[in-house]
C-alpha atoms as a PDB file:
ATOM      1  CA  MET A   1       0.024   0.047  -0.194  1.00  0.00           C
ATOM      2  CA  THR A   2       1.452   3.155  -1.055  1.00  0.00           C
ATOM      3  CA  SER A   3       1.738   5.882   1.902  1.00  0.00           C
ATOM      4  CA  CYS A   4      -0.634   8.300  -0.369  1.00  0.00           C
ATOM      5  CA  ALA A   5      -3.261   5.627   0.368  1.00  0.00           C
ATOM      6  CA  PHE A   6      -2.492   5.311   3.804  1.00  0.00           C
ATOM      7  CA  LEU A   7      -2.622   9.113   4.303  1.00  0.00           C
ATOM      8  CA  LEU A   8      -6.056   9.351   2.501  1.00  0.00           C
ATOM      9  CA  CYS A   9      -7.271   6.535   4.908  1.00  0.00           C
ATOM     10  CA  ALA A  10      -5.739   8.338   8.123  1.00  0.00           C
ATOM     11  CA  ALA A  11      -7.170  11.705   7.108  1.00  0.00           C
ATOM     12  CA  GLY A  12     -10.591  10.415   6.391  1.00  0.00           C
ATOM     13  CA  LEU A  13     -10.967  11.988   3.004  1.00  0.00           C
ATOM     14  CA  TRP A  14     -12.986   9.168   1.820  1.00  0.00           C
ATOM     15  CA  ALA A  15     -16.797   8.613   2.652  1.00  0.00           C
ATOM     16  CA  GLN A  16     -19.629   6.421   1.347  1.00  0.00           C
ATOM     17  CA  VAL A  17     -18.991   6.523  -2.555  1.00  0.00           C
ATOM     18  CA  PRO A  18     -21.574   6.851  -5.103  1.00  0.00           C
ATOM     19  CA  PRO A  19     -22.130   4.286  -7.943  1.00  0.00           C
ATOM     20  CA  THR A  20     -19.803   5.389 -10.656  1.00  0.00           C
ATOM     21  CA  PRO A  21     -19.481   3.777 -14.214  1.00  0.00           C
ATOM     22  CA  THR A  22     -16.924   1.155 -12.748  1.00  0.00           C
ATOM     23  CA  SER A  23     -18.754   0.442  -9.387  1.00  0.00           C
ATOM     24  CA  LEU A  24     -19.748  -2.691  -8.187  1.00  0.00           C
ATOM     25  CA  VAL A  25     -22.956  -1.436  -6.759  1.00  0.00           C
ATOM     26  CA  GLN A  26     -25.863  -3.464  -8.021  1.00  0.00           C
ATOM     27  CA  LYS A  27     -23.719  -6.034  -9.238  1.00  0.00           C
ATOM     28  CA  PRO A  28     -23.039  -9.598  -8.023  1.00  0.00           C
ATOM     29  CA  ALA A  29     -20.450  -9.449  -5.267  1.00  0.00           C
ATOM     30  CA  PRO A  30     -17.539 -11.576  -7.006  1.00  0.00           C
ATOM     31  CA  ALA A  31     -16.871 -15.151  -5.598  1.00  0.00           C
ATOM     32  CA  PHE A  32     -14.240 -16.156  -3.592  1.00  0.00           C
ATOM     33  CA  VAL A  33     -13.083 -18.887  -1.212  1.00  0.00           C
ATOM     34  CA  ARG A  34     -10.452 -18.586   1.857  1.00  0.00           C
ATOM     35  CA  ASN A  35      -9.439 -19.881   4.946  1.00  0.00           C
ATOM     36  CA  ASP A  36     -10.098 -17.798   8.044  1.00  0.00           C
ATOM     37  CA  LEU A  37      -7.633 -17.509  10.795  1.00  0.00           C
ATOM     38  CA  ALA A  38      -8.895 -20.540  12.378  1.00  0.00           C
ATOM     39  CA  GLY A  39      -8.745 -22.603   9.183  1.00  0.00           C
ATOM     40  CA  LYS A  40     -12.197 -22.748   8.330  1.00  0.00           C
ATOM     41  CA  LYS A  41     -12.958 -22.656   4.666  1.00  0.00           C
ATOM     42  CA  ILE A  42     -15.140 -19.172   4.040  1.00  0.00           C
ATOM     43  CA  ILE A  43     -17.008 -19.405   0.848  1.00  0.00           C
ATOM     44  CA  LEU A  44     -18.715 -16.115  -0.133  1.00  0.00           C
ATOM     45  CA  GLU A  45     -21.685 -17.927  -2.055  1.00  0.00           C
ATOM     46  CA  ASN A  46     -22.552 -19.729   1.197  1.00  0.00           C
ATOM     47  CA  TYR A  47     -23.595 -16.449   2.573  1.00  0.00           C
ATOM     48  CA  ARG A  48     -26.598 -16.272   0.143  1.00  0.00           C
ATOM     49  CA  GLY A  49     -29.639 -15.299   2.024  1.00  0.00           C
ATOM     50  CA  LYS A  50     -27.824 -13.089   4.653  1.00  0.00           C
ATOM     51  CA  VAL A  51     -26.979  -9.636   4.475  1.00  0.00           C
ATOM     52  CA  VAL A  52     -23.158  -9.349   4.363  1.00  0.00           C
ATOM     53  CA  LEU A  53     -20.655  -6.461   5.316  1.00  0.00           C
ATOM     54  CA  LEU A  54     -17.555  -7.455   3.531  1.00  0.00           C
ATOM     55  CA  ASP A  55     -14.752  -5.341   4.827  1.00  0.00           C
ATOM     56  CA  PHE A  56     -11.333  -4.951   3.546  1.00  0.00           C
ATOM     57  CA  TRP A  57      -9.039  -3.484   5.932  1.00  0.00           C
ATOM     58  CA  ALA A  58      -5.345  -3.721   7.390  1.00  0.00           C
ATOM     59  CA  THR A  59      -3.782  -3.672  10.928  1.00  0.00           C
ATOM     60  CA  TRP A  60      -1.684  -0.440  10.042  1.00  0.00           C
ATOM     61  CA  CYS A  61      -5.050   1.462   9.032  1.00  0.00           C
ATOM     62  CA  ALA A  62      -6.235   3.929  11.729  1.00  0.00           C
ATOM     63  CA  GLY A  63      -9.747   4.073  10.218  1.00  0.00           C
ATOM     64  CA  CYS A  64     -10.166   0.549  10.023  1.00  0.00           C
ATOM     65  CA  GLN A  65      -9.248   0.101  13.728  1.00  0.00           C
ATOM     66  CA  VAL A  66     -12.137   2.362  14.632  1.00  0.00           C
ATOM     67  CA  GLU A  67     -14.582   0.532  12.356  1.00  0.00           C
ATOM     68  CA  LEU A  68     -13.907  -3.187  13.405  1.00  0.00           C
ATOM     69  CA  PRO A  69     -15.026  -2.996  17.042  1.00  0.00           C
ATOM     70  CA  LYS A  70     -18.427  -1.525  15.513  1.00  0.00           C
ATOM     71  CA  PHE A  71     -18.884  -4.350  13.005  1.00  0.00           C
ATOM     72  CA  ALA A  72     -18.263  -6.686  15.950  1.00  0.00           C
ATOM     73  CA  ALA A  73     -21.122  -5.029  17.830  1.00  0.00           C
ATOM     74  CA  TRP A  74     -23.626  -5.099  14.743  1.00  0.00           C
ATOM     75  CA  GLN A  75     -22.664  -8.796  14.242  1.00  0.00           C
ATOM     76  CA  LYS A  76     -23.953  -9.407  17.800  1.00  0.00           C
ATOM     77  CA  LYS A  77     -26.922  -6.886  17.291  1.00  0.00           C
ATOM     78  CA  TYR A  78     -28.150  -8.210  13.916  1.00  0.00           C
ATOM     79  CA  GLY A  79     -26.581 -11.734  13.492  1.00  0.00           C
ATOM     80  CA  ALA A  80     -29.896 -13.455  14.379  1.00  0.00           C
ATOM     81  CA  GLN A  81     -31.844 -11.378  11.659  1.00  0.00           C
ATOM     82  CA  GLY A  82     -29.413 -12.853   9.018  1.00  0.00           C
ATOM     83  CA  PHE A  83     -26.559 -10.430   9.235  1.00  0.00           C
ATOM     84  CA  SER A  84     -22.848 -11.452   9.017  1.00  0.00           C
ATOM     85  CA  VAL A  85     -19.733  -9.656   8.735  1.00  0.00           C
ATOM     86  CA  VAL A  86     -16.407 -11.153   6.675  1.00  0.00           C
ATOM     87  CA  ALA A  87     -13.382  -9.381   7.118  1.00  0.00           C
ATOM     88  CA  VAL A  88     -10.505  -9.565   4.315  1.00  0.00           C
ATOM     89  CA  SER A  89      -7.217  -8.212   5.860  1.00  0.00           C
ATOM     90  CA  MET A  90      -4.692  -6.957   3.162  1.00  0.00           C
ATOM     91  CA  ASP A  91      -1.820  -7.245   5.655  1.00  0.00           C
ATOM     92  CA  ASP A  92       1.168  -9.423   4.128  1.00  0.00           C
ATOM     93  CA  THR A  93       1.615 -11.673   6.891  1.00  0.00           C
ATOM     94  CA  ASP A  94      -1.189 -13.197   9.495  1.00  0.00           C
ATOM     95  CA  ALA A  95       0.701 -12.486  12.619  1.00  0.00           C
ATOM     96  CA  PRO A  96      -0.384  -8.938  13.174  1.00  0.00           C
ATOM     97  CA  VAL A  97      -3.792  -9.974  12.173  1.00  0.00           C
ATOM     98  CA  ARG A  98      -4.119 -12.578  14.621  1.00  0.00           C
ATOM     99  CA  LYS A  99      -2.935 -10.139  17.311  1.00  0.00           C
ATOM    100  CA  ALA A 100      -5.435  -7.408  16.311  1.00  0.00           C
ATOM    101  CA  ALA A 101      -8.268  -9.782  15.957  1.00  0.00           C
ATOM    102  CA  ARG A 102      -7.594 -10.969  19.306  1.00  0.00           C
ATOM    103  CA  ARG A 103      -7.043  -7.309  20.766  1.00  0.00           C
ATOM    104  CA  LEU A 104     -10.271  -6.124  19.170  1.00  0.00           C
ATOM    105  CA  GLN A 105     -12.355  -9.584  20.060  1.00  0.00           C
ATOM    106  CA  LEU A 106     -13.765  -9.954  16.683  1.00  0.00           C
ATOM    107  CA  ASN A 107     -16.605 -11.965  16.580  1.00  0.00           C
ATOM    108  CA  PHE A 108     -16.842 -12.897  12.536  1.00  0.00           C
ATOM    109  CA  PRO A 109     -14.535 -14.517  10.201  1.00  0.00           C
ATOM    110  CA  VAL A 110     -11.261 -13.032   9.125  1.00  0.00           C
ATOM    111  CA  VAL A 111      -9.588 -13.963   6.078  1.00  0.00           C
ATOM    112  CA  MET A 112      -6.358 -12.956   4.465  1.00  0.00           C
ATOM    113  CA  GLY A 113      -6.606 -10.758   1.331  1.00  0.00           C
ATOM    114  CA  ASP A 114      -4.008 -10.297  -1.549  1.00  0.00           C
ATOM    115  CA  ALA A 115      -3.856  -8.512  -4.821  1.00  0.00           C
ATOM    116  CA  ARG A 116      -5.768 -10.865  -6.664  1.00  0.00           C
ATOM    117  CA  LEU A 117      -8.744 -10.586  -4.370  1.00  0.00           C
ATOM    118  CA  GLY A 118      -8.458  -6.778  -4.105  1.00  0.00           C
ATOM    119  CA  ALA A 119      -8.560  -6.819  -7.968  1.00  0.00           C
ATOM    120  CA  LEU A 120     -11.958  -8.974  -8.062  1.00  0.00           C
ATOM    121  CA  TYR A 121     -13.188  -5.873  -6.020  1.00  0.00           C
ATOM    122  CA  GLY A 122     -12.202  -3.336  -8.183  1.00  0.00           C
ATOM    123  CA  GLY A 123      -8.801  -2.725  -7.112  1.00  0.00           C
ATOM    124  CA  LEU A 124      -8.135  -1.252  -3.640  1.00  0.00           C
ATOM    125  CA  LEU A 125      -6.253   2.072  -3.766  1.00  0.00           C
ATOM    126  CA  GLY A 126      -6.920   2.708   0.165  1.00  0.00           C
ATOM    127  CA  LEU A 127      -8.372   1.229   3.068  1.00  0.00           C
ATOM    128  CA  PRO A 128     -10.711   0.550   4.739  1.00  0.00           C
ATOM    129  CA  VAL A 129     -13.217  -0.233   1.753  1.00  0.00           C
ATOM    130  CA  THR A 130     -16.410  -1.875   2.621  1.00  0.00           C
ATOM    131  CA  TYR A 131     -18.925  -3.642   0.574  1.00  0.00           C
ATOM    132  CA  LEU A 132     -22.569  -4.345   1.686  1.00  0.00           C
ATOM    133  CA  ILE A 133     -23.951  -7.046   0.182  1.00  0.00           C
ATOM    134  CA  GLY A 134     -27.837  -8.021  -0.082  1.00  0.00           C
ATOM    135  CA  ARG A 135     -29.572 -11.338   0.424  1.00  0.00           C
ATOM    136  CA  HIS A 136     -29.122 -12.015  -3.056  1.00  0.00           C
ATOM    137  CA  GLY A 137     -25.553 -11.698  -3.610  1.00  0.00           C
ATOM    138  CA  LYS A 138     -25.888  -8.215  -5.089  1.00  0.00           C
ATOM    139  CA  ILE A 139     -23.632  -5.476  -3.877  1.00  0.00           C
ATOM    140  CA  LEU A 140     -25.956  -2.619  -2.212  1.00  0.00           C
ATOM    141  CA  ALA A 141     -23.328   0.033  -1.084  1.00  0.00           C
ATOM    142  CA  GLU A 142     -19.742   0.662  -1.229  1.00  0.00           C
ATOM    143  CA  PHE A 143     -18.038   2.739   1.566  1.00  0.00           C
ATOM    144  CA  LYS A 144     -14.488   3.949   1.296  1.00  0.00           C
ATOM    145  CA  GLY A 145     -12.218   5.305   3.949  1.00  0.00           C
ATOM    146  CA  ASP A 146     -13.595   6.631   7.353  1.00  0.00           C
ATOM    147  CA  THR A 147     -17.213   6.422   6.969  1.00  0.00           C
ATOM    148  CA  ASP A 148     -20.266   7.725   8.726  1.00  0.00           C
ATOM    149  CA  LEU A 149     -20.830   4.489  10.779  1.00  0.00           C
ATOM    150  CA  ASP A 150     -24.667   5.694  11.518  1.00  0.00           C
ATOM    151  CA  ALA A 151     -25.175   5.667   7.531  1.00  0.00           C
ATOM    152  CA  MET A 152     -23.539   2.438   7.205  1.00  0.00           C
ATOM    153  CA  GLU A 153     -25.466   0.854   9.989  1.00  0.00           C
ATOM    154  CA  HIS A 154     -29.121   2.437   8.555  1.00  0.00           C
ATOM    155  CA  ALA A 155     -28.022   0.985   5.343  1.00  0.00           C
ATOM    156  CA  ILE A 156     -27.683  -2.306   7.200  1.00  0.00           C
ATOM    157  CA  GLN A 157     -30.861  -2.105   8.687  1.00  0.00           C
ATOM    158  CA  ALA A 158     -32.683  -1.407   5.309  1.00  0.00           C
ATOM    159  CA  ALA A 159     -31.162  -4.219   3.759  1.00  0.00           C
ATOM    160  CA  LEU A 160     -32.165  -6.535   6.630  1.00  0.00           C
ATOM    161  CA  ARG A 161     -35.892  -5.215   6.086  1.00  0.00           C
ATOM    162  CA  GLN A 162     -35.984  -6.319   2.295  1.00  0.00           C
END
């Protein structure tokens, strides 16, 4: 990740991004299969029927450290309604990710990402990048950088009502 992308993330210069011609909004979420930190196979397509918050993050990203505990709270609050968080760490190695997951008490799967997975999601020029995926597997919204978490929660609530 370039220092410029890190500065954008840290400075909070991104917010919810409206759909653009190259946006993934209203398109099927690209499928992937990855093992989580516990070795369990995570298959995105198996989450059909649920509302999924797919979060790309890294341990060095300050905005990510703010969002992840909120996502854990939402997992607890909305999980019984068919909501799931899946986090994709873009760190180079899993050691700092494991440490962060324990420290932040994450209650959802964390998988390791890479450039190939990032490219499936349009390329990641900064972190965090979060996608809200509807029950039928289509991306409903994308959020980049430091995001208004209240607006994100309202989007989750609306998706759960659909």
